[in-house]
């Protein structure tokens, strides 16, 4: 597949903490297939955790209350197993969608990755991760999303996010929830008219909500009320802080530049 035939070059799916739910990887693969892009897995290592594992007498307390010694050797073994698990999940999802795929590991902050994201790339973030579990674990599957949600304020970034959200909603048969980031009623009406004009001919159900500051708290509430399991955001000046957003909202976030 040549780059000229592709809408985007790559769909990155970022992993942190534990193994991701299988349906998140499959959702990223479906998105990559819809965009005719390569599926790229990226594991973001926690520098603080690596430094912590080098300290003596560090203990991890699990959800069941049991204690496990945390050391660099066990952590390295855990990441080797996790890498194989993620690679198998990527291979299965990509093979099922007829995609090429790759996998890489990096250290650093999420903001650094966002700054390096190109215009023809999409970043798919799964739900907020928990700390690595050094004990037994298995891949999980969650109930699929009923709707996809995006923020619209008329900016170029929000227009790109709306385009992406429309693609995803159409491809997966989901309702589209548009949060209008408006300071007053007149602005709200204007934004809804602009969005409706862009969506002329769209066949999916569309629901409008109004978003007021504080954005992340309100977005969390609307996501919960609408039952959305995926949020599409454009990278721009009006974007809520990505680090806080991804640590707060328990759903997938797709970022487009």
C-alpha atoms as a PDB file:
ATOM      1  CA  UNK A   1       0.000   0.000   0.000  1.00  0.00           C
ATOM      2  CA  UNK A   2       1.515   3.274  -1.048  1.00  0.00           C
ATOM      3  CA  UNK A   3       1.292   6.382   1.114  1.00  0.00           C
ATOM      4  CA  UNK A   4      -0.649   8.083  -1.710  1.00  0.00           C
ATOM      5  CA  UNK A   5      -3.473   5.551  -1.230  1.00  0.00           C
ATOM      6  CA  UNK A   6      -3.639   6.162   2.523  1.00  0.00           C
ATOM      7  CA  UNK A   7      -5.684   8.747   4.377  1.00  0.00           C
ATOM      8  CA  UNK A   8      -3.164   8.551   7.224  1.00  0.00           C
ATOM      9  CA  UNK A   9       0.266   6.958   7.555  1.00  0.00           C
ATOM     10  CA  UNK A  10       0.024   5.493  11.038  1.00  0.00           C
ATOM     11  CA  UNK A  11      -2.404   4.849  13.885  1.00  0.00           C
ATOM     12  CA  UNK A  12      -0.424   4.691  17.112  1.00  0.00           C
ATOM     13  CA  UNK A  13      -1.941   2.807  20.024  1.00  0.00           C
ATOM     14  CA  UNK A  14      -0.140   3.628  23.254  1.00  0.00           C
ATOM     15  CA  UNK A  15       0.176   1.169  26.127  1.00  0.00           C
ATOM     16  CA  UNK A  16       1.026   1.969  29.729  1.00  0.00           C
ATOM     17  CA  UNK A  17       0.977  -0.106  32.909  1.00  0.00           C
ATOM     18  CA  UNK A  18      -0.769  -3.452  32.406  1.00  0.00           C
ATOM     19  CA  UNK A  19      -1.785  -5.400  29.330  1.00  0.00           C
ATOM     20  CA  UNK A  20      -4.622  -3.562  27.559  1.00  0.00           C
ATOM     21  CA  UNK A  21      -8.122  -4.956  27.069  1.00  0.00           C
ATOM     22  CA  UNK A  22      -8.203  -6.942  23.853  1.00  0.00           C
ATOM     23  CA  UNK A  23     -11.077  -4.888  22.461  1.00  0.00           C
ATOM     24  CA  UNK A  24      -8.958  -1.699  22.664  1.00  0.00           C
ATOM     25  CA  UNK A  25      -6.352  -3.196  20.344  1.00  0.00           C
ATOM     26  CA  UNK A  26      -9.058  -4.449  18.001  1.00  0.00           C
ATOM     27  CA  UNK A  27     -10.691  -0.986  17.980  1.00  0.00           C
ATOM     28  CA  UNK A  28      -7.368   0.613  17.053  1.00  0.00           C
ATOM     29  CA  UNK A  29      -6.930  -1.960  14.267  1.00  0.00           C
ATOM     30  CA  UNK A  30     -10.398  -1.194  12.904  1.00  0.00           C
ATOM     31  CA  UNK A  31      -9.555   2.509  12.936  1.00  0.00           C
ATOM     32  CA  UNK A  32      -6.278   1.879  11.103  1.00  0.00           C
ATOM     33  CA  UNK A  33      -8.100  -0.241   8.519  1.00  0.00           C
ATOM     34  CA  UNK A  34     -10.720   2.482   7.994  1.00  0.00           C
ATOM     35  CA  UNK A  35      -7.951   5.063   7.504  1.00  0.00           C
ATOM     36  CA  UNK A  36      -5.817   2.680   5.404  1.00  0.00           C
ATOM     37  CA  UNK A  37      -2.919   3.209   7.815  1.00  0.00           C
ATOM     38  CA  UNK A  38      -0.245   1.112   9.503  1.00  0.00           C
ATOM     39  CA  UNK A  39      -1.010  -0.062  13.062  1.00  0.00           C
ATOM     40  CA  UNK A  40       1.833   0.915  15.410  1.00  0.00           C
ATOM     41  CA  UNK A  41       1.991  -0.178  19.041  1.00  0.00           C
ATOM     42  CA  UNK A  42       3.954   1.961  21.488  1.00  0.00           C
ATOM     43  CA  UNK A  43       4.648   1.126  25.119  1.00  0.00           C
ATOM     44  CA  UNK A  44       5.479   4.131  27.302  1.00  0.00           C
ATOM     45  CA  UNK A  45       7.739   3.063  30.149  1.00  0.00           C
ATOM     46  CA  UNK A  46       7.529   4.720  33.554  1.00  0.00           C
ATOM     47  CA  UNK A  47      10.951   6.148  34.453  1.00  0.00           C
ATOM     48  CA  UNK A  48       9.884   6.651  38.074  1.00  0.00           C
ATOM     49  CA  UNK A  49       8.886   3.001  38.390  1.00  0.00           C
ATOM     50  CA  UNK A  50      12.195   1.843  36.923  1.00  0.00           C
ATOM     51  CA  UNK A  51      14.100   3.981  39.433  1.00  0.00           C
ATOM     52  CA  UNK A  52      11.890   2.759  42.261  1.00  0.00           C
ATOM     53  CA  UNK A  53      12.588  -0.866  41.392  1.00  0.00           C
ATOM     54  CA  UNK A  54      16.309  -0.249  41.927  1.00  0.00           C
ATOM     55  CA  UNK A  55      15.739   0.743  45.559  1.00  0.00           C
ATOM     56  CA  UNK A  56      16.037  -1.875  48.314  1.00  0.00           C
ATOM     57  CA  UNK A  57      13.058  -3.107  50.337  1.00  0.00           C
ATOM     58  CA  UNK A  58      10.362  -1.904  47.927  1.00  0.00           C
ATOM     59  CA  UNK A  59       7.067  -3.823  48.148  1.00  0.00           C
ATOM     60  CA  UNK A  60       4.023  -3.807  45.908  1.00  0.00           C
ATOM     61  CA  UNK A  61       0.640  -4.248  47.620  1.00  0.00           C
ATOM     62  CA  UNK A  62      -1.876  -5.873  45.244  1.00  0.00           C
ATOM     63  CA  UNK A  63      -5.631  -5.321  45.079  1.00  0.00           C
ATOM     64  CA  UNK A  64      -6.141  -8.401  47.237  1.00  0.00           C
ATOM     65  CA  UNK A  65      -3.828  -7.070  49.962  1.00  0.00           C
ATOM     66  CA  UNK A  66      -0.976  -9.491  49.290  1.00  0.00           C
ATOM     67  CA  UNK A  67       2.592  -8.195  49.146  1.00  0.00           C
ATOM     68  CA  UNK A  68       5.121  -8.736  46.368  1.00  0.00           C
ATOM     69  CA  UNK A  69       8.742  -7.675  46.361  1.00  0.00           C
ATOM     70  CA  UNK A  70       9.424  -5.143  43.626  1.00  0.00           C
ATOM     71  CA  UNK A  71      12.900  -5.300  42.147  1.00  0.00           C
ATOM     72  CA  UNK A  72      14.537  -4.520  38.838  1.00  0.00           C
ATOM     73  CA  UNK A  73      14.915  -8.187  37.840  1.00  0.00           C
ATOM     74  CA  UNK A  74      11.221  -9.001  38.363  1.00  0.00           C
ATOM     75  CA  UNK A  75      10.190  -5.799  36.627  1.00  0.00           C
ATOM     76  CA  UNK A  76      12.364  -6.585  33.609  1.00  0.00           C
ATOM     77  CA  UNK A  77      10.876 -10.084  33.437  1.00  0.00           C
ATOM     78  CA  UNK A  78       7.384  -8.634  33.650  1.00  0.00           C
ATOM     79  CA  UNK A  79       8.043  -6.245  30.765  1.00  0.00           C
ATOM     80  CA  UNK A  80       9.449  -9.067  28.604  1.00  0.00           C
ATOM     81  CA  UNK A  81       6.265 -11.090  29.106  1.00  0.00           C
ATOM     82  CA  UNK A  82       4.113  -8.007  28.589  1.00  0.00           C
ATOM     83  CA  UNK A  83       5.912  -7.143  25.348  1.00  0.00           C
ATOM     84  CA  UNK A  84       5.283 -10.644  23.955  1.00  0.00           C
ATOM     85  CA  UNK A  85       1.624 -10.400  24.980  1.00  0.00           C
ATOM     86  CA  UNK A  86       1.156  -7.018  23.321  1.00  0.00           C
ATOM     87  CA  UNK A  87       2.964  -8.131  20.162  1.00  0.00           C
ATOM     88  CA  UNK A  88       0.665 -11.183  19.933  1.00  0.00           C
ATOM     89  CA  UNK A  89      -2.402  -8.970  20.376  1.00  0.00           C
ATOM     90  CA  UNK A  90      -1.179  -6.552  17.703  1.00  0.00           C
ATOM     91  CA  UNK A  91      -0.377  -9.402  15.316  1.00  0.00           C
ATOM     92  CA  UNK A  92      -3.811 -10.982  15.738  1.00  0.00           C
ATOM     93  CA  UNK A  93      -5.676  -7.685  15.393  1.00  0.00           C
ATOM     94  CA  UNK A  94      -3.608  -6.532  12.401  1.00  0.00           C
ATOM     95  CA  UNK A  95      -3.829  -9.893  10.645  1.00  0.00           C
ATOM     96  CA  UNK A  96      -7.605  -9.901  11.053  1.00  0.00           C
ATOM     97  CA  UNK A  97      -7.801  -6.435   9.475  1.00  0.00           C
ATOM     98  CA  UNK A  98      -5.177  -7.065   6.760  1.00  0.00           C
ATOM     99  CA  UNK A  99      -2.765  -4.480   8.205  1.00  0.00           C
ATOM    100  CA  UNK A 100       0.965  -4.165   8.625  1.00  0.00           C
ATOM    101  CA  UNK A 101       2.056  -3.438  12.194  1.00  0.00           C
ATOM    102  CA  UNK A 102       5.042  -2.549  14.360  1.00  0.00           C
ATOM    103  CA  UNK A 103       5.831  -2.200  18.048  1.00  0.00           C
ATOM    104  CA  UNK A 104       8.266  -0.007  19.950  1.00  0.00           C
ATOM    105  CA  UNK A 105       9.086   0.943  23.548  1.00  0.00           C
ATOM    106  CA  UNK A 106       9.950   4.466  24.656  1.00  0.00           C
ATOM    107  CA  UNK A 107      10.470   6.444  27.822  1.00  0.00           C
ATOM    108  CA  UNK A 108       9.278   9.977  28.411  1.00  0.00           C
ATOM    109  CA  UNK A 109       6.125  11.989  28.988  1.00  0.00           C
ATOM    110  CA  UNK A 110       2.907  11.883  27.017  1.00  0.00           C
ATOM    111  CA  UNK A 111       3.318  15.551  26.083  1.00  0.00           C
ATOM    112  CA  UNK A 112       6.597  14.735  24.304  1.00  0.00           C
ATOM    113  CA  UNK A 113       4.827  12.122  22.182  1.00  0.00           C
ATOM    114  CA  UNK A 114       2.040  14.535  21.304  1.00  0.00           C
ATOM    115  CA  UNK A 115       4.527  17.193  20.232  1.00  0.00           C
ATOM    116  CA  UNK A 116       6.128  14.650  17.876  1.00  0.00           C
ATOM    117  CA  UNK A 117       2.816  13.516  16.364  1.00  0.00           C
ATOM    118  CA  UNK A 118       2.627  14.260  12.634  1.00  0.00           C
ATOM    119  CA  UNK A 119      -0.417  15.489  10.735  1.00  0.00           C
ATOM    120  CA  UNK A 120      -0.893  12.110   9.040  1.00  0.00           C
ATOM    121  CA  UNK A 121      -0.731  10.208  12.322  1.00  0.00           C
ATOM    122  CA  UNK A 122      -3.378   9.393  14.927  1.00  0.00           C
ATOM    123  CA  UNK A 123      -2.733   8.513  18.578  1.00  0.00           C
ATOM    124  CA  UNK A 124      -5.116   6.024  20.195  1.00  0.00           C
ATOM    125  CA  UNK A 125      -4.917   6.020  24.003  1.00  0.00           C
ATOM    126  CA  UNK A 126      -6.583   3.281  26.011  1.00  0.00           C
ATOM    127  CA  UNK A 127      -8.247   3.836  29.405  1.00  0.00           C
ATOM    128  CA  UNK A 128      -6.064   5.059  32.311  1.00  0.00           C
ATOM    129  CA  UNK A 129      -3.610   2.311  33.253  1.00  0.00           C
ATOM    130  CA  UNK A 130      -3.069   0.787  36.627  1.00  0.00           C
ATOM    131  CA  UNK A 131       0.397  -0.028  37.978  1.00  0.00           C
ATOM    132  CA  UNK A 132       2.063  -3.122  36.503  1.00  0.00           C
ATOM    133  CA  UNK A 133       0.879  -6.323  38.175  1.00  0.00           C
ATOM    134  CA  UNK A 134       3.796  -8.638  38.723  1.00  0.00           C
ATOM    135  CA  UNK A 135       1.489 -11.509  39.672  1.00  0.00           C
ATOM    136  CA  UNK A 136      -0.694 -13.582  37.296  1.00  0.00           C
ATOM    137  CA  UNK A 137      -2.921 -11.696  34.834  1.00  0.00           C
ATOM    138  CA  UNK A 138      -4.781 -12.315  31.611  1.00  0.00           C
ATOM    139  CA  UNK A 139      -6.079 -10.220  28.732  1.00  0.00           C
ATOM    140  CA  UNK A 140      -9.579  -8.859  29.299  1.00  0.00           C
ATOM    141  CA  UNK A 141     -12.434  -7.763  27.090  1.00  0.00           C
ATOM    142  CA  UNK A 142     -14.816  -4.916  27.881  1.00  0.00           C
ATOM    143  CA  UNK A 143     -18.262  -4.128  26.505  1.00  0.00           C
ATOM    144  CA  UNK A 144     -17.935  -2.094  23.316  1.00  0.00           C
ATOM    145  CA  UNK A 145     -18.830   1.594  23.154  1.00  0.00           C
ATOM    146  CA  UNK A 146     -22.374   2.778  22.386  1.00  0.00           C
ATOM    147  CA  UNK A 147     -21.289   6.232  21.266  1.00  0.00           C
ATOM    148  CA  UNK A 148     -18.294   8.337  20.303  1.00  0.00           C
ATOM    149  CA  UNK A 149     -17.869  11.838  21.750  1.00  0.00           C
ATOM    150  CA  UNK A 150     -15.995  14.901  20.536  1.00  0.00           C
ATOM    151  CA  UNK A 151     -15.557  18.568  21.525  1.00  0.00           C
ATOM    152  CA  UNK A 152     -16.448  21.204  18.943  1.00  0.00           C
ATOM    153  CA  UNK A 153     -15.601  24.920  19.170  1.00  0.00           C
ATOM    154  CA  UNK A 154     -15.299  25.803  15.483  1.00  0.00           C
ATOM    155  CA  UNK A 155     -11.494  25.757  15.498  1.00  0.00           C
ATOM    156  CA  UNK A 156      -9.416  23.923  12.906  1.00  0.00           C
ATOM    157  CA  UNK A 157      -8.425  21.335  15.526  1.00  0.00           C
ATOM    158  CA  UNK A 158     -12.029  20.654  16.519  1.00  0.00           C
ATOM    159  CA  UNK A 159     -13.040  20.369  12.852  1.00  0.00           C
ATOM    160  CA  UNK A 160     -10.395  17.690  12.351  1.00  0.00           C
ATOM    161  CA  UNK A 161     -11.641  15.910  15.475  1.00  0.00           C
ATOM    162  CA  UNK A 162     -15.228  16.095  14.217  1.00  0.00           C
ATOM    163  CA  UNK A 163     -14.158  14.610  10.875  1.00  0.00           C
ATOM    164  CA  UNK A 164     -12.419  11.745  12.675  1.00  0.00           C
ATOM    165  CA  UNK A 165     -15.335  11.183  15.074  1.00  0.00           C
ATOM    166  CA  UNK A 166     -17.706  11.039  12.102  1.00  0.00           C
ATOM    167  CA  UNK A 167     -15.514   8.447  10.391  1.00  0.00           C
ATOM    168  CA  UNK A 168     -15.398   6.286  13.510  1.00  0.00           C
ATOM    169  CA  UNK A 169     -19.107   6.597  14.260  1.00  0.00           C
ATOM    170  CA  UNK A 170     -19.992   5.745  10.665  1.00  0.00           C
ATOM    171  CA  UNK A 171     -17.545   2.846  10.433  1.00  0.00           C
ATOM    172  CA  UNK A 172     -18.620   1.259  13.728  1.00  0.00           C
ATOM    173  CA  UNK A 173     -22.308   2.162  13.706  1.00  0.00           C
ATOM    174  CA  UNK A 174     -22.152   4.379  16.801  1.00  0.00           C
ATOM    175  CA  UNK A 175     -24.054   7.446  17.949  1.00  0.00           C
ATOM    176  CA  UNK A 176     -22.101  10.712  17.646  1.00  0.00           C
ATOM    177  CA  UNK A 177     -22.178  13.005  20.688  1.00  0.00           C
ATOM    178  CA  UNK A 178     -20.931  16.550  19.999  1.00  0.00           C
ATOM    179  CA  UNK A 179     -20.009  18.691  23.005  1.00  0.00           C
ATOM    180  CA  UNK A 180     -20.308  22.345  22.041  1.00  0.00           C
ATOM    181  CA  UNK A 181     -17.660  24.375  23.853  1.00  0.00           C
ATOM    182  CA  UNK A 182     -19.655  27.620  24.050  1.00  0.00           C
ATOM    183  CA  UNK A 183     -19.597  30.517  26.499  1.00  0.00           C
ATOM    184  CA  UNK A 184     -23.118  31.765  25.731  1.00  0.00           C
ATOM    185  CA  UNK A 185     -26.341  30.701  24.032  1.00  0.00           C
ATOM    186  CA  UNK A 186     -25.657  32.581  20.799  1.00  0.00           C
ATOM    187  CA  UNK A 187     -22.282  30.870  20.425  1.00  0.00           C
ATOM    188  CA  UNK A 188     -23.877  27.517  21.178  1.00  0.00           C
ATOM    189  CA  UNK A 189     -26.438  27.996  18.398  1.00  0.00           C
ATOM    190  CA  UNK A 190     -23.761  29.140  15.943  1.00  0.00           C
ATOM    191  CA  UNK A 191     -21.543  26.133  16.690  1.00  0.00           C
ATOM    192  CA  UNK A 192     -24.427  23.717  16.347  1.00  0.00           C
ATOM    193  CA  UNK A 193     -25.280  25.200  12.948  1.00  0.00           C
ATOM    194  CA  UNK A 194     -21.651  24.888  11.817  1.00  0.00           C
ATOM    195  CA  UNK A 195     -21.428  21.291  12.999  1.00  0.00           C
ATOM    196  CA  UNK A 196     -24.773  20.392  11.436  1.00  0.00           C
ATOM    197  CA  UNK A 197     -23.631  21.867   8.116  1.00  0.00           C
ATOM    198  CA  UNK A 198     -20.470  19.726   8.184  1.00  0.00           C
ATOM    199  CA  UNK A 199     -22.574  16.655   8.983  1.00  0.00           C
ATOM    200  CA  UNK A 200     -25.080  17.134   6.161  1.00  0.00           C
ATOM    201  CA  UNK A 201     -25.967  13.695   4.852  1.00  0.00           C
ATOM    202  CA  UNK A 202     -24.588  11.840   7.886  1.00  0.00           C
ATOM    203  CA  UNK A 203     -26.696   8.806   8.746  1.00  0.00           C
ATOM    204  CA  UNK A 204     -25.629   8.096  12.321  1.00  0.00           C
ATOM    205  CA  UNK A 205     -27.671   9.387  15.313  1.00  0.00           C
ATOM    206  CA  UNK A 206     -26.291  12.777  16.469  1.00  0.00           C
ATOM    207  CA  UNK A 207     -26.709  14.264  19.931  1.00  0.00           C
ATOM    208  CA  UNK A 208     -25.555  17.746  20.982  1.00  0.00           C
ATOM    209  CA  UNK A 209     -24.458  18.699  24.498  1.00  0.00           C
ATOM    210  CA  UNK A 210     -23.129  22.000  25.872  1.00  0.00           C
ATOM    211  CA  UNK A 211     -19.723  22.005  27.557  1.00  0.00           C
ATOM    212  CA  UNK A 212     -18.849  24.601  30.213  1.00  0.00           C
ATOM    213  CA  UNK A 213     -15.683  25.046  32.321  1.00  0.00           C
ATOM    214  CA  UNK A 214     -14.118  23.251  34.040  1.00  0.00           C
ATOM    215  CA  UNK A 215     -13.779  21.248  30.839  1.00  0.00           C
ATOM    216  CA  UNK A 216     -12.385  17.966  32.150  1.00  0.00           C
ATOM    217  CA  UNK A 217     -14.907  17.678  34.987  1.00  0.00           C
ATOM    218  CA  UNK A 218     -17.799  18.490  32.660  1.00  0.00           C
ATOM    219  CA  UNK A 219     -16.473  16.153  29.960  1.00  0.00           C
ATOM    220  CA  UNK A 220     -16.244  13.361  32.526  1.00  0.00           C
ATOM    221  CA  UNK A 221     -19.864  13.914  33.558  1.00  0.00           C
ATOM    222  CA  UNK A 222     -21.170  14.049  29.980  1.00  0.00           C
ATOM    223  CA  UNK A 223     -19.188  10.943  29.005  1.00  0.00           C
ATOM    224  CA  UNK A 224     -20.745   9.067  31.914  1.00  0.00           C
ATOM    225  CA  UNK A 225     -24.281  10.259  31.137  1.00  0.00           C
ATOM    226  CA  UNK A 226     -23.955   9.439  27.434  1.00  0.00           C
ATOM    227  CA  UNK A 227     -22.257   6.097  27.997  1.00  0.00           C
ATOM    228  CA  UNK A 228     -19.465   7.026  25.584  1.00  0.00           C
ATOM    229  CA  UNK A 229     -16.381   4.832  25.594  1.00  0.00           C
ATOM    230  CA  UNK A 230     -14.369   6.823  23.083  1.00  0.00           C
ATOM    231  CA  UNK A 231     -13.484  10.532  22.955  1.00  0.00           C
ATOM    232  CA  UNK A 232     -12.009  12.143  19.827  1.00  0.00           C
ATOM    233  CA  UNK A 233      -9.987  15.333  20.326  1.00  0.00           C
ATOM    234  CA  UNK A 234      -8.012  17.592  18.017  1.00  0.00           C
ATOM    235  CA  UNK A 235      -4.621  18.759  19.222  1.00  0.00           C
ATOM    236  CA  UNK A 236      -4.879  22.522  19.571  1.00  0.00           C
ATOM    237  CA  UNK A 237      -4.827  25.395  22.033  1.00  0.00           C
ATOM    238  CA  UNK A 238      -8.306  24.597  23.343  1.00  0.00           C
ATOM    239  CA  UNK A 239      -7.519  20.950  24.161  1.00  0.00           C
ATOM    240  CA  UNK A 240      -7.827  19.985  27.836  1.00  0.00           C
ATOM    241  CA  UNK A 241      -4.525  18.967  29.403  1.00  0.00           C
ATOM    242  CA  UNK A 242      -3.849  15.542  27.783  1.00  0.00           C
ATOM    243  CA  UNK A 243      -2.000  14.090  30.786  1.00  0.00           C
ATOM    244  CA  UNK A 244      -4.805  14.964  33.208  1.00  0.00           C
ATOM    245  CA  UNK A 245      -7.460  13.953  30.722  1.00  0.00           C
ATOM    246  CA  UNK A 246      -5.973  10.520  30.073  1.00  0.00           C
ATOM    247  CA  UNK A 247      -5.483   9.877  33.794  1.00  0.00           C
ATOM    248  CA  UNK A 248      -9.012  11.004  34.697  1.00  0.00           C
ATOM    249  CA  UNK A 249     -11.461   9.774  32.072  1.00  0.00           C
ATOM    250  CA  UNK A 250     -11.999   5.986  32.068  1.00  0.00           C
ATOM    251  CA  UNK A 251     -12.284   5.512  28.334  1.00  0.00           C
ATOM    252  CA  UNK A 252     -10.300   5.538  25.116  1.00  0.00           C
ATOM    253  CA  UNK A 253      -9.076   8.872  23.752  1.00  0.00           C
ATOM    254  CA  UNK A 254      -8.166   9.361  20.076  1.00  0.00           C
ATOM    255  CA  UNK A 255      -5.974  12.390  19.349  1.00  0.00           C
ATOM    256  CA  UNK A 256      -5.548  13.919  15.888  1.00  0.00           C
ATOM    257  CA  UNK A 257      -3.335  16.837  14.890  1.00  0.00           C
END
